Each structure stands twice: as structure tokens, then as C-alpha cells.
Amino acid sequence: EEIAVLVNEEQDKGYHRAELDGKNLSSGIYFYKIQAGN
């Protein structure tokens, strides 16, 4: 189930960073999915 969308924008070539504030999340296993072009 989707918990949050951390990034949803057009980004330039190169390295990028995203921060997750986990204060409202409980300890446990989560998954993150990145979609960029294909």
C-alpha cells in the first residue's frame, strides 16, 4: 500500500536526494519504488 510520494517531478540528469521523515511511521519493513522514464 502506498504510504507517501516523496518525489513526483521532472528532474535533471545526475544524482539526487530525497528525505524521509519517519516520525509518523512505525518500525518495520517498507519498500520504496523509483520510476524514472523507462
Full PDB file with SEQRES, HELIX, SHEET, SSBOND, CRYST1, ORIGX, SCALE, CONECT and MASTER records, all heavy atoms in Angstrom:
SEQRES   1 A   38  GLU GLU ILE ALA VAL LEU VAL ASN GLU GLU GLN ASP LYS          
SEQRES   2 A   38  GLY TYR HIS ARG ALA GLU LEU ASP GLY LYS ASN LEU SER          
SEQRES   3 A   38  SER GLY ILE TYR PHE TYR LYS ILE GLN ALA GLY ASN              
HELIX    1 AA1 GLY A   22  ASN A   24  5                                   3    
CRYST1    1.000    1.000    1.000  90.00  90.00  90.00 P 1           1          
ORIGX1      1.000000  0.000000  0.000000        0.00000                         
ORIGX2      0.000000  1.000000  0.000000        0.00000                         
ORIGX3      0.000000  0.000000  1.000000        0.00000                         
SCALE1      1.000000  0.000000  0.000000        0.00000                         
SCALE2      0.000000  1.000000  0.000000        0.00000                         
SCALE3      0.000000  0.000000  1.000000        0.00000                         
ATOM      1  N   GLU A   1       0.849  -1.200   0.000  1.00  0.00           N  
ATOM      2  CA  GLU A   1       0.000   0.000   0.000  1.00  0.00           C  
ATOM      3  C   GLU A   1       0.879   1.243   0.000  1.00  0.00           C  
ATOM      4  O   GLU A   1       1.868   1.314   0.721  1.00  0.00           O  
ATOM      5  CB  GLU A   1      -0.901   0.027   1.231  1.00  0.00           C  
ATOM      6  CG  GLU A   1      -1.903  -1.091   1.287  1.00  0.00           C  
ATOM      7  CD  GLU A   1      -2.671  -1.141   2.591  1.00  0.00           C  
ATOM      8  OE1 GLU A   1      -2.133  -0.737   3.647  1.00  0.00           O  
ATOM      9  OE2 GLU A   1      -3.820  -1.585   2.550  1.00  0.00           O  
ATOM     10  N   GLU A   2       0.497   2.224  -0.803  1.00  0.00           N  
ATOM     11  CA  GLU A   2       1.253   3.466  -0.893  1.00  0.00           C  
ATOM     12  C   GLU A   2       1.107   4.269   0.393  1.00  0.00           C  
ATOM     13  O   GLU A   2       0.007   4.566   0.827  1.00  0.00           O  
ATOM     14  CB  GLU A   2       0.748   4.268  -2.085  1.00  0.00           C  
ATOM     15  CG  GLU A   2       1.578   5.483  -2.393  1.00  0.00           C  
ATOM     16  CD  GLU A   2       1.088   6.201  -3.638  1.00  0.00           C  
ATOM     17  OE1 GLU A   2       1.153   5.612  -4.727  1.00  0.00           O  
ATOM     18  OE2 GLU A   2       0.622   7.347  -3.486  1.00  0.00           O  
ATOM     19  N   ILE A   3       2.233   4.621   0.984  1.00  0.00           N  
ATOM     20  CA  ILE A   3       2.262   5.403   2.228  1.00  0.00           C  
ATOM     21  C   ILE A   3       2.508   6.877   1.919  1.00  0.00           C  
ATOM     22  O   ILE A   3       1.876   7.757   2.493  1.00  0.00           O  
ATOM     23  CB  ILE A   3       3.370   4.891   3.177  1.00  0.00           C  
ATOM     24  CG1 ILE A   3       3.166   3.427   3.514  1.00  0.00           C  
ATOM     25  CG2 ILE A   3       3.451   5.727   4.440  1.00  0.00           C  
ATOM     26  CD1 ILE A   3       1.906   3.124   4.264  1.00  0.00           C  
ATOM     27  N   ALA A   4       3.460   7.147   1.026  1.00  0.00           N  
ATOM     28  CA  ALA A   4       3.816   8.529   0.705  1.00  0.00           C  
ATOM     29  C   ALA A   4       4.461   8.604  -0.670  1.00  0.00           C  
ATOM     30  O   ALA A   4       5.073   7.648  -1.123  1.00  0.00           O  
ATOM     31  CB  ALA A   4       4.784   9.079   1.748  1.00  0.00           C  
ATOM     32  N   VAL A   5       4.327   9.758  -1.301  1.00  0.00           N  
ATOM     33  CA  VAL A   5       5.045  10.053  -2.541  1.00  0.00           C  
ATOM     34  C   VAL A   5       6.121  11.064  -2.167  1.00  0.00           C  
ATOM     35  O   VAL A   5       5.812  12.186  -1.768  1.00  0.00           O  
ATOM     36  CB  VAL A   5       4.101  10.615  -3.622  1.00  0.00           C  
ATOM     37  CG1 VAL A   5       4.891  10.985  -4.869  1.00  0.00           C  
ATOM     38  CG2 VAL A   5       3.011   9.613  -3.956  1.00  0.00           C  
ATOM     39  N   LEU A   6       7.372  10.653  -2.229  1.00  0.00           N  
ATOM     40  CA  LEU A   6       8.486  11.503  -1.808  1.00  0.00           C  
ATOM     41  C   LEU A   6       8.958  12.435  -2.924  1.00  0.00           C  
ATOM     42  O   LEU A   6       9.419  13.538  -2.656  1.00  0.00           O  
ATOM     43  CB  LEU A   6       9.646  10.640  -1.326  1.00  0.00           C  
ATOM     44  CG  LEU A   6       9.292   9.670  -0.190  1.00  0.00           C  
ATOM     45  CD1 LEU A   6      10.447   8.737   0.085  1.00  0.00           C  
ATOM     46  CD2 LEU A   6       8.903  10.430   1.054  1.00  0.00           C  
ATOM     47  N   VAL A   7       8.875  11.977  -4.167  1.00  0.00           N  
ATOM     48  CA  VAL A   7       9.272  12.782  -5.321  1.00  0.00           C  
ATOM     49  C   VAL A   7       8.263  12.512  -6.426  1.00  0.00           C  
ATOM     50  O   VAL A   7       7.912  11.366  -6.675  1.00  0.00           O  
ATOM     51  CB  VAL A   7      10.690  12.416  -5.821  1.00  0.00           C  
ATOM     52  CG1 VAL A   7      11.041  13.168  -7.085  1.00  0.00           C  
ATOM     53  CG2 VAL A   7      11.730  12.650  -4.749  1.00  0.00           C  
ATOM     54  N   ASN A   8       7.815  13.569  -7.080  1.00  0.00           N  
ATOM     55  CA  ASN A   8       6.931  13.430  -8.232  1.00  0.00           C  
ATOM     56  C   ASN A   8       7.111  14.663  -9.113  1.00  0.00           C  
ATOM     57  O   ASN A   8       6.303  15.579  -9.101  1.00  0.00           O  
ATOM     58  CB  ASN A   8       5.473  13.276  -7.806  1.00  0.00           C  
ATOM     59  CG  ASN A   8       4.565  12.917  -8.956  1.00  0.00           C  
ATOM     60  OD1 ASN A   8       5.019  12.538 -10.020  1.00  0.00           O  
ATOM     61  ND2 ASN A   8       3.275  13.041  -8.747  1.00  0.00           N  
ATOM     62  N   GLU A   9       8.232  14.689  -9.852  1.00  0.00           N  
ATOM     63  CA  GLU A   9       8.554  15.854 -10.663  1.00  0.00           C  
ATOM     64  C   GLU A   9       9.569  15.494 -11.740  1.00  0.00           C  
ATOM     65  O   GLU A   9      10.205  14.448 -11.682  1.00  0.00           O  
ATOM     66  CB  GLU A   9       9.122  16.977  -9.796  1.00  0.00           C  
ATOM     67  CG  GLU A   9      10.387  16.602  -9.076  1.00  0.00           C  
ATOM     68  CD  GLU A   9      10.846  17.651  -8.081  1.00  0.00           C  
ATOM     69  OE1 GLU A   9      10.024  18.484  -7.656  1.00  0.00           O  
ATOM     70  OE2 GLU A   9      12.027  17.630  -7.732  1.00  0.00           O  
ATOM     71  N   GLU A  10       9.734  16.364 -12.690  1.00  0.00           N  
ATOM     72  CA  GLU A  10      10.767  16.208 -13.713  1.00  0.00           C  
ATOM     73  C   GLU A  10      12.095  16.594 -13.085  1.00  0.00           C  
ATOM     74  O   GLU A  10      12.202  17.637 -12.441  1.00  0.00           O  
ATOM     75  CB  GLU A  10      10.459  17.098 -14.911  1.00  0.00           C  
ATOM     76  CG  GLU A  10      11.483  16.976 -15.994  1.00  0.00           C  
ATOM     77  CD  GLU A  10      10.877  16.600 -17.322  1.00  0.00           C  
ATOM     78  OE1 GLU A  10       9.741  16.113 -17.345  1.00  0.00           O  
ATOM     79  OE2 GLU A  10      11.540  16.802 -18.315  1.00  0.00           O  
ATOM     80  N   GLN A  11      13.096  15.733 -13.237  1.00  0.00           N  
ATOM     81  CA  GLN A  11      14.404  16.012 -12.654  1.00  0.00           C  
ATOM     82  C   GLN A  11      15.481  15.903 -13.709  1.00  0.00           C  
ATOM     83  O   GLN A  11      15.389  15.111 -14.648  1.00  0.00           O  
ATOM     84  CB  GLN A  11      14.705  15.043 -11.506  1.00  0.00           C  
ATOM     85  CG  GLN A  11      13.808  15.264 -10.316  1.00  0.00           C  
ATOM     86  CD  GLN A  11      14.268  14.515  -9.089  1.00  0.00           C  
ATOM     87  OE1 GLN A  11      14.791  13.419  -9.184  1.00  0.00           O  
ATOM     88  NE2 GLN A  11      14.053  15.114  -7.940  1.00  0.00           N  
ATOM     89  N   ASP A  12      16.530  16.698 -13.528  1.00  0.00           N  
ATOM     90  CA  ASP A  12      17.651  16.713 -14.456  1.00  0.00           C  
ATOM     91  C   ASP A  12      18.540  15.492 -14.264  1.00  0.00           C  
ATOM     92  O   ASP A  12      18.483  14.809 -13.234  1.00  0.00           O  
ATOM     93  CB  ASP A  12      18.493  17.982 -14.249  1.00  0.00           C  
ATOM     94  CG  ASP A  12      17.764  19.234 -14.696  1.00  0.00           C  
ATOM     95  OD1 ASP A  12      16.995  19.149 -15.669  1.00  0.00           O  
ATOM     96  OD2 ASP A  12      17.971  20.292 -14.071  1.00  0.00           O  
ATOM     97  N   LYS A  13      19.392  15.265 -15.236  1.00  0.00           N  
ATOM     98  CA  LYS A  13      20.376  14.189 -15.190  1.00  0.00           C  
ATOM     99  C   LYS A  13      21.293  14.394 -13.983  1.00  0.00           C  
ATOM    100  O   LYS A  13      21.599  15.518 -13.611  1.00  0.00           O  
ATOM    101  CB  LYS A  13      21.187  14.254 -16.484  1.00  0.00           C  
ATOM    102  CG  LYS A  13      22.325  13.297 -16.569  1.00  0.00           C  
ATOM    103  CD  LYS A  13      23.056  13.487 -17.887  1.00  0.00           C  
ATOM    104  CE  LYS A  13      24.253  12.572 -17.954  1.00  0.00           C  
ATOM    105  NZ  LYS A  13      24.956  12.703 -19.242  1.00  0.00           N  
ATOM    106  N   GLY A  14      21.702  13.288 -13.345  1.00  0.00           N  
ATOM    107  CA  GLY A  14      22.649  13.370 -12.238  1.00  0.00           C  
ATOM    108  C   GLY A  14      22.130  12.734 -10.967  1.00  0.00           C  
ATOM    109  O   GLY A  14      21.140  12.016 -10.965  1.00  0.00           O  
ATOM    110  N   TYR A  15      22.815  13.009  -9.871  1.00  0.00           N  
ATOM    111  CA  TYR A  15      22.479  12.457  -8.557  1.00  0.00           C  
ATOM    112  C   TYR A  15      21.479  13.357  -7.843  1.00  0.00           C  
ATOM    113  O   TYR A  15      21.562  14.586  -7.944  1.00  0.00           O  
ATOM    114  CB  TYR A  15      23.740  12.318  -7.695  1.00  0.00           C  
ATOM    115  CG  TYR A  15      24.670  11.244  -8.192  1.00  0.00           C  
ATOM    116  CD1 TYR A  15      25.714  11.550  -9.039  1.00  0.00           C  
ATOM    117  CD2 TYR A  15      24.479   9.921  -7.826  1.00  0.00           C  
ATOM    118  CE1 TYR A  15      26.574  10.567  -9.503  1.00  0.00           C  
ATOM    119  CE2 TYR A  15      25.319   8.929  -8.288  1.00  0.00           C  
ATOM    120  CZ  TYR A  15      26.364   9.263  -9.127  1.00  0.00           C  
ATOM    121  OH  TYR A  15      27.201   8.274  -9.589  1.00  0.00           O  
ATOM    122  N   HIS A  16      20.562  12.736  -7.120  1.00  0.00           N  
ATOM    123  CA  HIS A  16      19.545  13.478  -6.379  1.00  0.00           C  
ATOM    124  C   HIS A  16      19.356  12.823  -5.021  1.00  0.00           C  
ATOM    125  O   HIS A  16      19.695  11.668  -4.818  1.00  0.00           O  
ATOM    126  CB  HIS A  16      18.209  13.475  -7.138  1.00  0.00           C  
ATOM    127  CG  HIS A  16      18.309  14.111  -8.481  1.00  0.00           C  
ATOM    128  ND1 HIS A  16      18.159  15.464  -8.658  1.00  0.00           N  
ATOM    129  CD2 HIS A  16      18.561  13.594  -9.701  1.00  0.00           C  
ATOM    130  CE1 HIS A  16      18.311  15.749  -9.937  1.00  0.00           C  
ATOM    131  NE2 HIS A  16      18.558  14.621 -10.593  1.00  0.00           N  
ATOM    132  N   ARG A  17      18.744  13.563  -4.099  1.00  0.00           N  
ATOM    133  CA  ARG A  17      18.483  13.101  -2.748  1.00  0.00           C  
ATOM    134  C   ARG A  17      17.042  13.350  -2.377  1.00  0.00           C  
ATOM    135  O   ARG A  17      16.462  14.356  -2.769  1.00  0.00           O  
ATOM    136  CB  ARG A  17      19.330  13.945  -1.811  1.00  0.00           C  
ATOM    137  CG  ARG A  17      20.086  13.216  -0.867  1.00  0.00           C  
ATOM    138  CD  ARG A  17      20.863  14.176  -0.022  1.00  0.00           C  
ATOM    139  NE  ARG A  17      22.037  13.419   0.298  1.00  0.00           N  
ATOM    140  CZ  ARG A  17      23.007  13.788   1.035  1.00  0.00           C  
ATOM    141  NH1 ARG A  17      23.000  14.977   1.542  1.00  0.00           N  
ATOM    142  NH2 ARG A  17      24.000  13.013   1.278  1.00  0.00           N  
ATOM    143  N   ALA A  18      16.488  12.441  -1.583  1.00  0.00           N  
ATOM    144  CA  ALA A  18      15.135  12.633  -1.040  1.00  0.00           C  
ATOM    145  C   ALA A  18      15.191  12.275   0.433  1.00  0.00           C  
ATOM    146  O   ALA A  18      15.867  11.321   0.819  1.00  0.00           O  
ATOM    147  CB  ALA A  18      14.130  11.754  -1.762  1.00  0.00           C  
ATOM    148  N   GLU A  19      14.512  13.047   1.259  1.00  0.00           N  
ATOM    149  CA  GLU A  19      14.500  12.783   2.697  1.00  0.00           C  
ATOM    150  C   GLU A  19      13.154  12.233   3.120  1.00  0.00           C  
ATOM    151  O   GLU A  19      12.113  12.653   2.617  1.00  0.00           O  
ATOM    152  CB  GLU A  19      14.808  14.061   3.469  1.00  0.00           C  
ATOM    153  CG  GLU A  19      16.239  14.498   3.309  1.00  0.00           C  
ATOM    154  CD  GLU A  19      16.608  15.619   4.252  1.00  0.00           C  
ATOM    155  OE1 GLU A  19      15.950  15.760   5.300  1.00  0.00           O  
ATOM    156  OE2 GLU A  19      17.551  16.343   3.920  1.00  0.00           O  
ATOM    157  N   LEU A  20      13.201  11.313   4.059  1.00  0.00           N  
ATOM    158  CA  LEU A  20      12.005  10.695   4.614  1.00  0.00           C  
ATOM    159  C   LEU A  20      11.942  11.024   6.094  1.00  0.00           C  
ATOM    160  O   LEU A  20      12.882  10.724   6.840  1.00  0.00           O  
ATOM    161  CB  LEU A  20      12.045   9.173   4.413  1.00  0.00           C  
ATOM    162  CG  LEU A  20      10.985   8.367   5.148  1.00  0.00           C  
ATOM    163  CD1 LEU A  20       9.599   8.703   4.608  1.00  0.00           C  
ATOM    164  CD2 LEU A  20      11.253   6.886   5.008  1.00  0.00           C  
ATOM    165  N   ASP A  21      10.869  11.656   6.508  1.00  0.00           N  
ATOM    166  CA  ASP A  21      10.645  11.927   7.923  1.00  0.00           C  
ATOM    167  C   ASP A  21       9.790  10.787   8.458  1.00  0.00           C  
ATOM    168  O   ASP A  21       8.601  10.708   8.181  1.00  0.00           O  
ATOM    169  CB  ASP A  21       9.939  13.267   8.104  1.00  0.00           C  
ATOM    170  CG  ASP A  21       9.713  13.624   9.554  1.00  0.00           C  
ATOM    171  OD1 ASP A  21      10.160  12.859  10.436  1.00  0.00           O  
ATOM    172  OD2 ASP A  21       9.098  14.665   9.815  1.00  0.00           O  
ATOM    173  N   GLY A  22      10.404   9.878   9.195  1.00  0.00           N  
ATOM    174  CA  GLY A  22       9.715   8.680   9.657  1.00  0.00           C  
ATOM    175  C   GLY A  22       9.061   8.815  11.020  1.00  0.00           C  
ATOM    176  O   GLY A  22       8.684   7.801  11.608  1.00  0.00           O  
ATOM    177  N   LYS A  23       8.882  10.040  11.524  1.00  0.00           N  
ATOM    178  CA  LYS A  23       8.330  10.189  12.874  1.00  0.00           C  
ATOM    179  C   LYS A  23       6.901   9.667  12.987  1.00  0.00           C  
ATOM    180  O   LYS A  23       6.483   9.268  14.054  1.00  0.00           O  
ATOM    181  CB  LYS A  23       8.420  11.632  13.354  1.00  0.00           C  
ATOM    182  CG  LYS A  23       7.530  12.594  12.621  1.00  0.00           C  
ATOM    183  CD  LYS A  23       7.699  14.009  13.153  1.00  0.00           C  
ATOM    184  CE  LYS A  23       6.850  14.963  12.341  1.00  0.00           C  
ATOM    185  NZ  LYS A  23       7.088  16.337  12.708  1.00  0.00           N  
ATOM    186  N   ASN A  24       6.146   9.657  11.875  1.00  0.00           N  
ATOM    187  CA  ASN A  24       4.770   9.155  11.917  1.00  0.00           C  
ATOM    188  C   ASN A  24       4.660   7.708  11.456  1.00  0.00           C  
ATOM    189  O   ASN A  24       3.553   7.191  11.297  1.00  0.00           O  
ATOM    190  CB  ASN A  24       3.861  10.036  11.049  1.00  0.00           C  
ATOM    191  CG  ASN A  24       3.731  11.436  11.601  1.00  0.00           C  
ATOM    192  OD1 ASN A  24       3.741  11.642  12.811  1.00  0.00           O  
ATOM    193  ND2 ASN A  24       3.637  12.409  10.723  1.00  0.00           N  
ATOM    194  N   LEU A  25       5.802   7.064  11.234  1.00  0.00           N  
ATOM    195  CA  LEU A  25       5.817   5.662  10.794  1.00  0.00           C  
ATOM    196  C   LEU A  25       6.279   4.773  11.933  1.00  0.00           C  
ATOM    197  O   LEU A  25       7.088   5.183  12.764  1.00  0.00           O  
ATOM    198  CB  LEU A  25       6.767   5.489   9.609  1.00  0.00           C  
ATOM    199  CG  LEU A  25       6.445   6.291   8.351  1.00  0.00           C  
ATOM    200  CD1 LEU A  25       7.577   6.139   7.339  1.00  0.00           C  
ATOM    201  CD2 LEU A  25       5.136   5.838   7.756  1.00  0.00           C  
ATOM    202  N   SER A  26       5.779   3.561  11.970  1.00  0.00           N  
ATOM    203  CA  SER A  26       6.243   2.617  12.981  1.00  0.00           C  
ATOM    204  C   SER A  26       7.447   1.850  12.445  1.00  0.00           C  
ATOM    205  O   SER A  26       7.687   1.796  11.241  1.00  0.00           O  
ATOM    206  CB  SER A  26       5.118   1.646  13.341  1.00  0.00           C  
ATOM    207  OG  SER A  26       4.688   0.942  12.205  1.00  0.00           O  
ATOM    208  N   SER A  27       8.219   1.273  13.343  1.00  0.00           N  
ATOM    209  CA  SER A  27       9.346   0.445  12.942  1.00  0.00           C  
ATOM    210  C   SER A  27       8.837  -0.727  12.124  1.00  0.00           C  
ATOM    211  O   SER A  27       7.762  -1.263  12.387  1.00  0.00           O  
ATOM    212  CB  SER A  27      10.083  -0.084  14.176  1.00  0.00           C  
ATOM    213  OG  SER A  27      10.670   0.972  14.882  1.00  0.00           O  
ATOM    214  N   GLY A  28       9.605  -1.126  11.139  1.00  0.00           N  
ATOM    215  CA  GLY A  28       9.201  -2.273  10.332  1.00  0.00           C  
ATOM    216  C   GLY A  28       9.813  -2.254   8.954  1.00  0.00           C  
ATOM    217  O   GLY A  28      10.710  -1.463   8.653  1.00  0.00           O  
ATOM    218  N   ILE A  29       9.314  -3.113   8.092  1.00  0.00           N  
ATOM    219  CA  ILE A  29       9.800  -3.244   6.731  1.00  0.00           C  
ATOM    220  C   ILE A  29       8.933  -2.399   5.795  1.00  0.00           C  
ATOM    221  O   ILE A  29       7.705  -2.453   5.860  1.00  0.00           O  
ATOM    222  CB  ILE A  29       9.791  -4.717   6.286  1.00  0.00           C  
ATOM    223  CG1 ILE A  29      10.760  -5.519   7.159  1.00  0.00           C  
ATOM    224  CG2 ILE A  29      10.146  -4.852   4.811  1.00  0.00           C  
ATOM    225  CD1 ILE A  29      10.730  -7.002   6.913  1.00  0.00           C  
ATOM    226  N   TYR A  30       9.594  -1.646   4.952  1.00  0.00           N  
ATOM    227  CA  TYR A  30       8.932  -0.815   3.951  1.00  0.00           C  
ATOM    228  C   TYR A  30       9.611  -1.059   2.609  1.00  0.00           C  
ATOM    229  O   TYR A  30      10.723  -1.582   2.542  1.00  0.00           O  
ATOM    230  CB  TYR A  30       9.034   0.679   4.316  1.00  0.00           C  
ATOM    231  CG  TYR A  30       8.253   1.035   5.554  1.00  0.00           C  
ATOM    232  CD1 TYR A  30       8.821   0.939   6.810  1.00  0.00           C  
ATOM    233  CD2 TYR A  30       6.935   1.466   5.465  1.00  0.00           C  
ATOM    234  CE1 TYR A  30       8.101   1.252   7.952  1.00  0.00           C  
ATOM    235  CE2 TYR A  30       6.211   1.787   6.596  1.00  0.00           C  
ATOM    236  CZ  TYR A  30       6.802   1.673   7.830  1.00  0.00           C  
ATOM    237  OH  TYR A  30       6.091   1.990   8.960  1.00  0.00           O  
ATOM    238  N   PHE A  31       8.947  -0.669   1.551  1.00  0.00           N  
ATOM    239  CA  PHE A  31       9.509  -0.737   0.214  1.00  0.00           C  
ATOM    240  C   PHE A  31       9.470   0.646  -0.398  1.00  0.00           C  
ATOM    241  O   PHE A  31       8.578   1.434  -0.101  1.00  0.00           O  
ATOM    242  CB  PHE A  31       8.697  -1.700  -0.674  1.00  0.00           C  
ATOM    243  CG  PHE A  31       8.799  -3.129  -0.224  1.00  0.00           C  
ATOM    244  CD1 PHE A  31       7.882  -3.648   0.667  1.00  0.00           C  
ATOM    245  CD2 PHE A  31       9.813  -3.938  -0.694  1.00  0.00           C  
ATOM    246  CE1 PHE A  31       7.974  -4.963   1.092  1.00  0.00           C  
ATOM    247  CE2 PHE A  31       9.916  -5.258  -0.273  1.00  0.00           C  
ATOM    248  CZ  PHE A  31       8.988  -5.771   0.613  1.00  0.00           C  
ATOM    249  N   TYR A  32      10.456   0.934  -1.231  1.00  0.00           N  
ATOM    250  CA  TYR A  32      10.423   2.178  -1.990  1.00  0.00           C  
ATOM    251  C   TYR A  32      10.609   1.852  -3.468  1.00  0.00           C  
ATOM    252  O   TYR A  32      11.348   0.956  -3.829  1.00  0.00           O  
ATOM    253  CB  TYR A  32      11.456   3.189  -1.501  1.00  0.00           C  
ATOM    254  CG  TYR A  32      12.896   2.741  -1.554  1.00  0.00           C  
ATOM    255  CD1 TYR A  32      13.693   3.047  -2.645  1.00  0.00           C  
ATOM    256  CD2 TYR A  32      13.456   2.034  -0.499  1.00  0.00           C  
ATOM    257  CE1 TYR A  32      15.015   2.645  -2.691  1.00  0.00           C  
ATOM    258  CE2 TYR A  32      14.782   1.627  -0.539  1.00  0.00           C  
ATOM    259  CZ  TYR A  32      15.558   1.934  -1.636  1.00  0.00           C  
ATOM    260  OH  TYR A  32      16.859   1.541  -1.682  1.00  0.00           O  
ATOM    261  N   LYS A  33       9.856   2.555  -4.295  1.00  0.00           N  
ATOM    262  CA  LYS A  33       9.894   2.312  -5.736  1.00  0.00           C  
ATOM    263  C   LYS A  33      10.221   3.607  -6.445  1.00  0.00           C  
ATOM    264  O   LYS A  33       9.599   4.639  -6.184  1.00  0.00           O  
ATOM    265  CB  LYS A  33       8.541   1.780  -6.225  1.00  0.00           C  
ATOM    266  CG  LYS A  33       8.508   1.524  -7.730  1.00  0.00           C  
ATOM    267  CD  LYS A  33       7.319   0.673  -8.127  1.00  0.00           C  
ATOM    268  CE  LYS A  33       6.102   1.487  -8.360  1.00  0.00           C  
ATOM    269  NZ  LYS A  33       4.997   0.709  -8.967  1.00  0.00           N  
ATOM    270  N   ILE A  34      11.219   3.531  -7.320  1.00  0.00           N  
ATOM    271  CA  ILE A  34      11.575   4.682  -8.134  1.00  0.00           C  
ATOM    272  C   ILE A  34      11.209   4.384  -9.585  1.00  0.00           C  
ATOM    273  O   ILE A  34      11.468   3.293 -10.083  1.00  0.00           O  
ATOM    274  CB  ILE A  34      13.069   5.055  -8.006  1.00  0.00           C  
ATOM    275  CG1 ILE A  34      13.359   6.317  -8.805  1.00  0.00           C  
ATOM    276  CG2 ILE A  34      13.976   3.913  -8.393  1.00  0.00           C  
ATOM    277  CD1 ILE A  34      14.688   6.957  -8.533  1.00  0.00           C  
ATOM    278  N   GLN A  35      10.571   5.366 -10.202  1.00  0.00           N  
ATOM    279  CA  GLN A  35      10.220   5.295 -11.617  1.00  0.00           C  
ATOM    280  C   GLN A  35      10.809   6.530 -12.272  1.00  0.00           C  
ATOM    281  O   GLN A  35      10.489   7.654 -11.882  1.00  0.00           O  
ATOM    282  CB  GLN A  35       8.708   5.304 -11.814  1.00  0.00           C  
ATOM    283  CG  GLN A  35       8.011   4.118 -11.182  1.00  0.00           C  
ATOM    284  CD  GLN A  35       6.503   4.251 -11.226  1.00  0.00           C  
ATOM    285  OE1 GLN A  35       5.956   5.212 -10.705  1.00  0.00           O  
ATOM    286  NE2 GLN A  35       5.846   3.289 -11.829  1.00  0.00           N  
ATOM    287  N   ALA A  36      11.684   6.330 -13.254  1.00  0.00           N  
ATOM    288  CA  ALA A  36      12.311   7.438 -13.971  1.00  0.00           C  
ATOM    289  C   ALA A  36      12.395   7.053 -15.439  1.00  0.00           C  
ATOM    290  O   ALA A  36      13.192   6.189 -15.804  1.00  0.00           O  
ATOM    291  CB  ALA A  36      13.693   7.735 -13.412  1.00  0.00           C  
ATOM    292  N   GLY A  37      11.545   7.644 -16.244  1.00  0.00           N  
ATOM    293  CA  GLY A  37      11.497   7.269 -17.656  1.00  0.00           C  
ATOM    294  C   GLY A  37      11.075   5.811 -17.779  1.00  0.00           C  
ATOM    295  O   GLY A  37      10.060   5.400 -17.230  1.00  0.00           O  
ATOM    296  N   ASN A  38      11.884   5.002 -18.454  1.00  0.00           N  
ATOM    297  CA  ASN A  38      11.603   3.569 -18.610  1.00  0.00           C  
ATOM    298  C   ASN A  38      12.153   2.734 -17.457  1.00  0.00           C  
ATOM    299  O   ASN A  38      11.923   1.531 -17.394  1.00  0.00           O  
ATOM    300  CB  ASN A  38      12.188   3.045 -19.927  1.00  0.00           C  
ATOM    301  CG  ASN A  38      11.493   3.652 -21.118  1.00  0.00           C  
ATOM    302  OD1 ASN A  38      10.305   3.957 -21.063  1.00  0.00           O  
ATOM    303  ND2 ASN A  38      12.227   3.849 -22.200  1.00  0.00           N  
TER     304      ASN A  38                                                      
MASTER        0    0    0    1    0    0    0    6  303    1    0    3          
END                                                                             
